[in-house]
N, C-alpha and C. Protein backbone atom coordinates (compact mmCIF):
# COMPACT_ATOMS: atom_id res chain seq x y z
N MET A 1 2.86 8.53 -1.16
CA MET A 1 4.35 8.65 -1.78
C MET A 1 3.94 8.06 -2.88
N ILE A 2 4.34 8.29 -3.75
CA ILE A 2 4.65 7.47 -5.57
C ILE A 2 6.18 7.80 -5.27
N GLY A 3 6.72 6.91 -6.09
CA GLY A 3 8.26 6.70 -6.74
C GLY A 3 7.90 6.49 -8.13
N PHE A 4 8.27 7.14 -8.95
CA PHE A 4 8.05 7.21 -10.35
C PHE A 4 9.09 7.86 -11.22
N ASN A 5 9.49 6.76 -12.32
CA ASN A 5 10.87 7.60 -12.99
C ASN A 5 10.39 6.42 -14.32
N GLY A 6 9.27 6.28 -14.74
CA GLY A 6 9.32 5.93 -15.73
C GLY A 6 8.55 4.32 -15.57
N ASN A 7 9.26 3.82 -14.32
CA ASN A 7 8.40 2.45 -13.86
C ASN A 7 8.27 3.23 -12.55
N LEU A 8 6.91 2.33 -12.22
CA LEU A 8 6.74 2.24 -11.00
C LEU A 8 7.57 1.71 -9.64
N THR A 9 8.02 2.35 -8.93
CA THR A 9 8.96 1.79 -7.60
C THR A 9 8.46 1.81 -6.99
N SER A 10 7.83 2.82 -6.02
CA SER A 10 6.96 2.24 -4.83
C SER A 10 6.01 3.19 -4.75
N VAL A 11 5.20 2.50 -3.60
CA VAL A 11 4.08 2.65 -3.59
C VAL A 11 3.57 3.31 -1.81
N ASN A 12 3.20 4.14 -1.15
CA ASN A 12 3.29 3.72 0.03
C ASN A 12 1.82 4.07 0.30
N VAL A 13 0.86 3.29 1.52
CA VAL A 13 -0.07 3.04 1.58
C VAL A 13 -0.56 3.41 3.15
N THR A 14 -1.03 4.32 3.68
CA THR A 14 -0.76 4.60 5.03
C THR A 14 -2.49 4.42 5.31
N PHE A 15 -2.80 3.48 7.00
CA PHE A 15 -4.02 3.57 7.30
C PHE A 15 -4.13 4.36 8.10
N GLN A 16 -5.47 5.25 8.15
CA GLN A 16 -5.53 5.81 9.85
C GLN A 16 -6.13 4.89 10.84
N GLY A 17 -4.89 4.38 12.01
CA GLY A 17 -5.64 3.44 12.57
C GLY A 17 -4.95 2.29 12.24
N ILE A 18 -5.37 1.10 12.91
CA ILE A 18 -5.31 -0.16 12.23
C ILE A 18 -6.85 -0.63 12.32
N PRO A 19 -6.71 -1.45 10.90
CA PRO A 19 -8.16 -1.86 10.28
C PRO A 19 -8.80 -2.95 10.69
N ALA A 20 -9.92 -2.86 11.83
CA ALA A 20 -10.49 -4.32 13.01
C ALA A 20 -11.07 -5.22 11.84
N ASN A 21 -10.73 -6.00 12.45
CA ASN A 21 -11.31 -7.75 11.81
C ASN A 21 -9.90 -7.79 10.74
N ALA A 22 -8.75 -7.79 10.71
CA ALA A 22 -8.11 -8.10 9.24
C ALA A 22 -6.57 -8.32 9.67
N ASN A 23 -6.35 -9.36 9.12
CA ASN A 23 -5.21 -9.44 9.38
C ASN A 23 -3.83 -9.19 8.53
N LEU A 24 -2.21 -8.91 9.21
CA LEU A 24 -1.40 -8.20 7.90
C LEU A 24 -1.67 -8.54 6.67
N SER A 25 -2.08 -9.96 6.66
CA SER A 25 -1.48 -10.38 5.22
C SER A 25 -3.02 -10.14 4.28
N ASP A 26 -4.09 -10.18 5.01
CA ASP A 26 -5.23 -9.52 3.99
C ASP A 26 -4.88 -7.88 4.15
N ILE A 27 -4.65 -7.12 4.98
CA ILE A 27 -4.02 -5.89 4.39
C ILE A 27 -3.11 -5.98 3.26
N ALA A 28 -1.88 -6.31 3.28
CA ALA A 28 -1.20 -6.47 2.40
C ALA A 28 -1.62 -7.04 0.99
N ASP A 29 -2.37 -7.92 1.41
CA ASP A 29 -2.95 -8.44 -0.61
C ASP A 29 -3.76 -7.16 -0.79
N LYS A 30 -4.75 -6.87 -0.24
CA LYS A 30 -5.25 -5.62 -0.85
C LYS A 30 -5.04 -4.29 -1.10
N ALA A 31 -3.78 -4.15 -0.45
CA ALA A 31 -2.93 -2.83 -0.61
C ALA A 31 -2.30 -3.19 -2.45
N LYS A 32 -1.48 -4.35 -2.56
CA LYS A 32 -0.85 -4.93 -3.59
C LYS A 32 -2.04 -4.70 -4.58
N VAL A 33 -3.16 -5.19 -4.29
CA VAL A 33 -4.03 -5.12 -6.01
C VAL A 33 -4.56 -3.81 -5.94
N ALA A 34 -4.80 -3.06 -4.75
CA ALA A 34 -5.19 -1.92 -5.03
C ALA A 34 -3.97 -0.47 -6.18
N ALA A 35 -2.69 -0.88 -5.53
CA ALA A 35 -2.00 -0.15 -6.36
C ALA A 35 -2.09 -0.44 -7.65
N VAL A 36 -2.28 -2.24 -8.15
CA VAL A 36 -2.07 -2.15 -9.35
C VAL A 36 -2.96 -1.69 -10.16
N ASN A 37 -4.42 -1.65 -9.68
CA ASN A 37 -5.44 -1.35 -10.06
C ASN A 37 -5.52 -0.02 -10.48
N GLU A 38 -5.27 1.04 -9.64
CA GLU A 38 -4.91 2.48 -9.69
C GLU A 38 -3.71 2.60 -10.65
N PHE A 39 -2.49 2.28 -10.39
CA PHE A 39 -1.75 2.70 -11.60
C PHE A 39 -1.42 1.78 -12.83
N LYS A 40 -2.02 0.99 -12.98
CA LYS A 40 -2.13 -0.05 -14.04
C LYS A 40 -0.58 -0.76 -14.34
N GLN A 41 0.27 -0.98 -13.13
CA GLN A 41 1.34 -1.13 -13.68
C GLN A 41 1.80 -1.85 -11.89
N THR A 42 2.57 -2.92 -11.70
CA THR A 42 3.13 -3.06 -10.49
C THR A 42 4.38 -2.66 -10.01
N PRO A 43 4.33 -2.43 -9.21
CA PRO A 43 5.63 -1.49 -8.27
C PRO A 43 6.46 -2.19 -7.68
N LYS A 44 7.61 -1.98 -7.58
CA LYS A 44 8.91 -2.62 -7.14
C LYS A 44 8.19 -2.97 -5.62
N GLN A 45 8.09 -2.30 -5.02
CA GLN A 45 7.20 -2.40 -3.73
C GLN A 45 6.29 -1.52 -3.11
N VAL A 46 5.53 -2.44 -1.98
CA VAL A 46 4.13 -1.77 -1.22
C VAL A 46 4.51 -1.36 0.13
N VAL A 47 4.95 -0.16 0.77
CA VAL A 47 5.20 0.14 2.07
C VAL A 47 3.84 0.43 2.92
N ILE A 48 3.63 -0.43 3.79
CA ILE A 48 2.23 -0.23 4.58
C ILE A 48 2.62 0.76 6.10
N ALA A 49 1.57 1.48 6.26
CA ALA A 49 2.49 2.01 7.41
C ALA A 49 0.90 1.92 8.63
N PHE A 50 0.29 2.50 9.68
CA PHE A 50 -0.45 2.60 10.14
C PHE A 50 -0.04 3.84 11.32
N ALA A 51 -1.04 4.73 10.47
CA ALA A 51 -1.12 6.13 11.69
C ALA A 51 -1.66 5.84 12.94
N ILE A 52 -1.36 6.03 14.02
CA ILE A 52 -2.10 5.84 14.96
C ILE A 52 -1.86 6.89 16.79
N GLN A 53 -2.72 7.46 17.34
CA GLN A 53 -2.71 8.39 18.20
C GLN A 53 -2.15 7.98 19.27
N PRO A 54 -1.04 8.38 19.87
CA PRO A 54 -0.39 7.93 21.10
C PRO A 54 -1.50 8.47 22.12
């Protein structure tokens, strides 16, 4: 999901499962860099989620 009103307000990044061998800090850093690279501006927030099977 992307919130956009002239300024990039929010980017949601959802992973299918929890990435193996990665700590949350690394995941957050990579998600922020990917959002900036993709949209060419810094969002106000990046929301990170993990979809898991029950």
